[in-house]
Amino acid sequence: MGKQFEDLGQEGDTEVFGAKISHPLVRARDKNAIMTLGVEHKKVEQEILDTDQSTDEFNAVYLAFGYDSVDRYLGKTIFSLELHTGDVDFGSRTPPSRLEIDEEYIYLNTYLTRIQKIYGYTNLLLRFQGQYSPNRLLPIEQFPIGGYFWVRGHEPATFLGDTGYTFSSELLFAPPLLGDKILFNQRVGQMLQLAAWFDTGGAYVTDALSGERNNQNLSGYGGGLRLYYKDRLTFRFDIGWPTDRKETGKSNYLYFSGTYGFF
């Protein structure tokens, strides 16, 4: 829960457990394909001032296909397609957090990324992700737009829809005139990259109720830097601006992320 909800005495608890089995369909130097079958159980409880407000609980089965390949055009493609189906448990003494949800549901998820070398240390990253569902889903299964990976330059999960998409285009390039310089036994162009990007996306509600907003579209743009040190350190920084800023919204958003491998 965010700080703004804690101040209102609102708290939440989420339980997720499951199992899956995967089988490789293709294993090669330049391509891989894998199929996964999984089951999961999720339960989300919310309370305000120690009083239970809602319970979202369901069992689900999913089938996923994943594929990646490196081609002669100096690019890499990553693709996944997932089919989810489940049953909502209405047996709790508190109602679900969303009105008029479907007891049985199905949705399809897809993810596609293309990383293409342009020249030298300049690369283009294109990313699409989407979801389609004919049902009214629980919030934890809805498609969010807004936030990192979901349209930068906006608040996280600005809007939730049962169906939605995001598209991101990002140009990555080495600092001018420094790409071939050596620093810490590594070329600067391999260690440090600048980024310029544009994100857009939309989300749509199935069978919107009276007074319920049925769709939202967002776009944002910005820049950042990427730092890579060998195979151990990764650091990302981005600053994003909304293309259509609201008077009550922030003028920009900062994003930081990093990983470090000790072994």
Protein backbone atom coordinates (compact mmCIF):
# COMPACT_ATOMS: atom_id res chain seq x y z
CA MET A 1 0.00 0.00 0.00
CA GLY A 2 1.18 3.52 -0.74
CA LYS A 3 1.78 6.11 1.96
CA GLN A 4 -1.38 7.99 0.98
CA PHE A 5 -3.47 4.90 1.78
CA GLU A 6 -1.61 4.16 5.01
CA ASP A 7 -2.57 7.62 6.24
CA LEU A 8 -6.21 6.60 5.74
CA GLY A 9 -5.69 3.40 7.71
CA GLN A 10 -5.95 1.27 4.57
CA GLU A 11 -3.85 -1.88 4.44
CA GLY A 12 -3.65 -4.89 2.17
CA ASP A 13 -2.30 -8.41 2.11
CA THR A 14 -1.62 -10.57 -0.95
CA GLU A 15 -1.01 -14.32 -1.09
CA VAL A 16 0.15 -16.03 -4.28
CA PHE A 17 1.22 -19.62 -4.73
CA GLY A 18 1.29 -22.03 -7.62
CA ALA A 19 3.21 -24.58 -9.66
CA LYS A 20 4.29 -24.88 -13.26
CA ILE A 21 5.97 -27.26 -15.65
CA SER A 22 7.99 -26.17 -18.67
CA HIS A 23 9.20 -28.05 -21.72
CA PRO A 24 11.66 -26.72 -24.32
CA LEU A 25 10.42 -27.00 -27.90
CA VAL A 26 13.55 -25.61 -29.57
CA ARG A 27 17.07 -25.21 -28.23
CA ALA A 28 19.62 -23.78 -30.61
CA ARG A 29 22.47 -21.30 -30.65
CA ASP A 30 20.35 -18.61 -32.29
CA LYS A 31 16.81 -19.43 -31.10
CA ASN A 32 14.84 -20.92 -28.22
CA ALA A 33 11.19 -21.85 -27.73
CA ILE A 34 9.50 -23.10 -24.58
CA MET A 35 5.99 -24.11 -23.51
CA THR A 36 4.77 -23.72 -19.93
CA LEU A 37 1.65 -25.00 -18.15
CA GLY A 38 0.90 -23.61 -14.71
CA VAL A 39 -1.68 -23.32 -11.96
CA GLU A 40 -1.93 -20.61 -9.32
CA HIS A 41 -4.03 -19.38 -6.43
CA LYS A 42 -4.23 -15.70 -5.52
CA LYS A 43 -5.87 -13.96 -2.60
CA VAL A 44 -5.91 -10.21 -1.98
CA GLU A 45 -7.45 -8.78 1.20
CA GLN A 46 -7.96 -5.10 2.00
CA GLU A 47 -8.98 -3.47 5.25
CA ILE A 48 -9.51 0.05 6.56
CA LEU A 49 -8.99 0.82 10.24
CA ASP A 50 -8.78 -2.92 11.03
CA THR A 51 -12.13 -3.58 9.33
CA ASP A 52 -12.20 -6.00 6.37
CA GLN A 53 -13.34 -4.26 3.20
CA SER A 54 -12.84 -6.72 0.34
CA THR A 55 -11.42 -10.10 -0.61
CA ASP A 56 -10.35 -11.08 -4.11
CA GLU A 57 -9.64 -14.82 -4.34
CA PHE A 58 -9.41 -17.09 -7.35
CA ASN A 59 -7.82 -20.18 -8.87
CA ALA A 60 -6.31 -20.04 -12.35
CA VAL A 61 -4.69 -22.16 -15.04
CA TYR A 62 -2.44 -20.73 -17.73
CA LEU A 63 -0.64 -21.92 -20.84
CA ALA A 64 2.35 -19.90 -22.05
CA PHE A 65 4.58 -19.99 -25.12
CA GLY A 66 7.91 -18.17 -25.15
CA TYR A 67 10.33 -17.59 -28.02
CA ASP A 68 13.54 -15.65 -28.61
CA SER A 69 15.93 -15.50 -31.54
CA VAL A 70 19.01 -13.69 -32.79
CA ASP A 71 19.10 -13.12 -36.55
CA ARG A 72 21.52 -12.13 -39.31
CA TYR A 73 20.16 -8.59 -39.30
CA LEU A 74 22.01 -7.87 -36.03
CA GLY A 75 18.82 -7.94 -33.99
CA LYS A 76 17.09 -9.96 -31.30
CA THR A 77 13.38 -10.77 -31.03
CA ILE A 78 11.60 -11.83 -27.83
CA PHE A 79 7.98 -13.02 -27.96
CA SER A 80 5.52 -14.55 -25.51
CA LEU A 81 1.85 -15.50 -25.65
CA GLU A 82 -0.17 -16.55 -22.59
CA LEU A 83 -3.72 -17.83 -22.17
CA HIS A 84 -5.20 -17.50 -18.66
CA THR A 85 -8.50 -18.88 -17.38
CA GLY A 86 -9.86 -19.04 -13.86
CA ASP A 87 -12.72 -19.11 -11.38
CA VAL A 88 -13.40 -16.43 -8.77
CA ASP A 89 -14.20 -17.63 -5.25
CA PHE A 90 -17.20 -15.72 -3.88
CA GLY A 91 -17.21 -17.65 -0.60
CA SER A 92 -15.57 -14.94 1.50
CA ARG A 93 -17.61 -12.95 4.01
CA THR A 94 -16.36 -9.73 2.38
CA PRO A 95 -17.21 -8.83 -1.24
CA PRO A 96 -14.72 -8.50 -4.11
CA SER A 97 -13.05 -5.11 -4.57
CA ARG A 98 -14.73 -4.58 -7.95
CA LEU A 99 -18.44 -4.63 -8.78
CA GLU A 100 -20.08 -7.05 -11.21
CA ILE A 101 -17.04 -9.20 -11.93
CA ASP A 102 -17.47 -12.44 -13.87
CA GLU A 103 -17.19 -15.67 -11.88
CA GLU A 104 -15.42 -17.41 -14.76
CA TYR A 105 -12.97 -15.48 -16.89
CA ILE A 106 -10.44 -15.79 -19.65
CA TYR A 107 -7.81 -13.44 -21.03
CA LEU A 108 -4.94 -13.46 -23.49
CA ASN A 109 -1.59 -11.75 -22.90
CA THR A 110 1.14 -11.08 -25.43
CA TYR A 111 4.60 -9.50 -25.28
CA LEU A 112 6.89 -8.62 -28.19
CA THR A 113 10.29 -6.94 -28.08
CA ARG A 114 12.70 -6.17 -30.90
CA ILE A 115 16.25 -4.98 -30.22
CA GLN A 116 17.85 -3.80 -33.45
CA LYS A 117 21.40 -2.58 -33.95
CA ILE A 118 21.43 0.51 -36.18
CA TYR A 119 25.15 1.19 -36.40
CA GLY A 120 28.13 1.31 -34.06
CA TYR A 121 26.81 1.64 -30.52
CA THR A 122 23.37 2.86 -31.59
CA ASN A 123 20.42 0.51 -31.04
CA LEU A 124 16.64 0.75 -31.38
CA LEU A 125 14.39 -0.97 -28.83
CA LEU A 126 10.72 -1.54 -29.70
CA ARG A 127 8.38 -3.13 -27.16
CA PHE A 128 4.68 -4.03 -27.33
CA GLN A 129 2.56 -5.69 -24.68
CA GLY A 130 -1.15 -6.25 -24.70
CA GLN A 131 -4.08 -8.03 -23.11
CA TYR A 132 -7.57 -8.94 -24.29
CA SER A 133 -10.47 -10.16 -22.16
CA PRO A 134 -14.23 -10.27 -22.82
CA ASN A 135 -14.80 -10.46 -19.04
CA ARG A 136 -14.81 -8.10 -16.07
CA LEU A 137 -11.67 -9.12 -14.20
CA LEU A 138 -10.49 -8.70 -10.64
CA PRO A 139 -8.10 -5.72 -10.31
CA ILE A 140 -5.04 -7.95 -9.80
CA GLU A 141 -5.70 -9.48 -13.24
CA GLN A 142 -6.48 -6.23 -15.07
CA PHE A 143 -4.10 -4.48 -17.45
CA PRO A 144 -2.52 -1.32 -15.97
CA ILE A 145 -1.25 1.71 -17.84
CA GLY A 146 1.01 4.31 -16.25
CA GLY A 147 4.41 3.87 -14.63
CA TYR A 148 7.65 2.13 -15.52
CA PHE A 149 7.13 -0.49 -18.28
CA TRP A 150 3.49 0.70 -18.54
CA VAL A 151 3.85 4.22 -20.07
CA ARG A 152 6.46 6.32 -18.31
CA GLY A 153 5.72 9.93 -17.42
CA HIS A 154 2.60 9.01 -15.41
CA GLU A 155 1.63 7.72 -11.98
CA PRO A 156 1.90 3.92 -11.56
CA ALA A 157 -1.31 2.14 -12.55
CA THR A 158 -3.04 5.40 -13.50
CA PHE A 159 -5.87 3.34 -15.00
CA LEU A 160 -6.84 -0.35 -15.02
CA GLY A 161 -8.63 -2.03 -17.90
CA ASP A 162 -9.69 -5.54 -18.81
CA THR A 163 -8.20 -5.04 -22.27
CA GLY A 164 -5.22 -2.84 -23.03
CA TYR A 165 -1.89 -2.28 -24.72
CA THR A 166 1.36 -0.35 -24.40
CA PHE A 167 3.96 0.45 -27.02
CA SER A 168 7.44 1.81 -26.35
CA SER A 169 10.16 2.97 -28.73
CA GLU A 170 13.60 3.72 -27.33
CA LEU A 171 16.78 4.88 -29.05
CA LEU A 172 20.00 3.93 -27.25
CA PHE A 173 23.34 5.47 -28.16
CA ALA A 174 26.81 6.06 -26.76
CA PRO A 175 27.88 9.52 -25.53
CA PRO A 176 29.07 11.49 -28.59
CA LEU A 177 32.79 11.05 -29.42
CA LEU A 178 33.33 8.73 -26.44
CA GLY A 179 32.07 5.36 -27.66
CA ASP A 180 35.47 3.86 -28.47
CA LYS A 181 37.29 5.27 -25.45
CA ILE A 182 38.48 2.73 -22.87
CA LEU A 183 37.42 3.05 -19.24
CA PHE A 184 37.97 0.35 -16.60
CA ASN A 185 39.09 -2.05 -19.37
CA GLN A 186 35.77 -1.62 -21.18
CA ARG A 187 34.67 0.51 -24.12
CA VAL A 188 32.56 3.47 -23.03
CA GLY A 189 29.98 2.63 -25.71
CA GLN A 190 29.44 -0.79 -24.12
CA MET A 191 29.43 0.51 -20.57
CA LEU A 192 27.39 3.73 -20.84
CA GLN A 193 24.45 4.50 -23.11
CA LEU A 194 22.07 7.43 -23.35
CA ALA A 195 18.39 6.91 -24.13
CA ALA A 196 15.57 8.86 -25.76
CA TRP A 197 12.13 7.27 -25.68
CA PHE A 198 8.40 7.61 -26.31
CA ASP A 199 5.69 5.48 -24.65
CA THR A 200 1.98 5.22 -25.39
CA GLY A 201 -0.84 2.95 -24.29
CA GLY A 202 -4.54 2.51 -23.70
CA ALA A 203 -6.81 0.47 -21.44
CA TYR A 204 -10.48 -0.41 -21.87
CA VAL A 205 -13.12 -1.66 -19.44
CA THR A 206 -15.47 -4.50 -20.39
CA ASP A 207 -19.17 -3.69 -19.96
CA ALA A 208 -18.52 -0.49 -18.02
CA LEU A 209 -21.12 0.26 -15.35
CA SER A 210 -23.00 3.53 -15.05
CA GLY A 211 -20.59 6.19 -13.82
CA GLU A 212 -17.55 3.99 -14.50
CA ARG A 213 -14.98 5.33 -16.94
CA ASN A 214 -14.66 2.91 -19.84
CA ASN A 215 -11.24 3.81 -21.27
CA GLN A 216 -8.07 5.84 -20.84
CA ASN A 217 -5.16 6.65 -23.17
CA LEU A 218 -1.75 7.87 -22.02
CA SER A 219 1.50 8.94 -23.69
CA GLY A 220 4.84 10.06 -22.32
CA TYR A 221 8.33 10.91 -23.50
CA GLY A 222 11.73 11.34 -21.93
CA GLY A 223 15.34 10.29 -21.72
CA GLY A 224 17.81 8.56 -19.49
CA LEU A 225 21.03 6.64 -19.19
CA ARG A 226 22.05 2.99 -18.90
CA LEU A 227 25.19 1.84 -17.08
CA TYR A 228 26.58 -1.67 -17.52
CA TYR A 229 29.76 -2.94 -15.92
CA LYS A 230 30.79 -6.30 -17.35
CA ASP A 231 28.08 -8.83 -16.41
CA ARG A 232 27.73 -7.73 -12.80
CA LEU A 233 26.31 -4.22 -12.55
CA THR A 234 23.29 -2.73 -14.30
CA PHE A 235 21.89 0.71 -13.50
CA ARG A 236 19.06 2.58 -15.22
CA PHE A 237 17.87 6.14 -14.80
CA ASP A 238 14.95 7.78 -16.64
CA ILE A 239 13.08 11.05 -16.49
CA GLY A 240 9.66 11.16 -18.12
CA TRP A 241 7.10 13.81 -18.99
CA PRO A 242 3.42 13.29 -19.86
CA THR A 243 2.43 14.51 -23.32
CA ASP A 244 -0.85 15.84 -21.94
CA ARG A 245 -0.18 17.04 -18.42
CA LYS A 246 -3.13 17.48 -16.06
CA GLU A 247 -3.20 20.50 -13.74
CA THR A 248 -3.23 18.22 -10.69
CA GLY A 249 -0.46 15.93 -11.97
CA LYS A 250 3.30 16.11 -11.59
CA SER A 251 5.34 17.79 -14.30
CA ASN A 252 7.84 14.91 -14.51
CA TYR A 253 8.65 11.51 -13.02
CA LEU A 254 12.03 10.00 -12.11
CA TYR A 255 12.83 6.29 -12.33
CA PHE A 256 15.83 4.44 -10.89
CA SER A 257 16.61 0.74 -11.01
CA GLY A 258 19.71 -1.38 -10.64
CA THR A 259 21.05 -4.87 -10.14
CA TYR A 260 24.37 -6.22 -8.92
CA GLY A 261 25.56 -9.80 -9.15
CA PHE A 262 27.95 -10.96 -6.46
CA PHE A 263 28.84 -14.24 -8.15
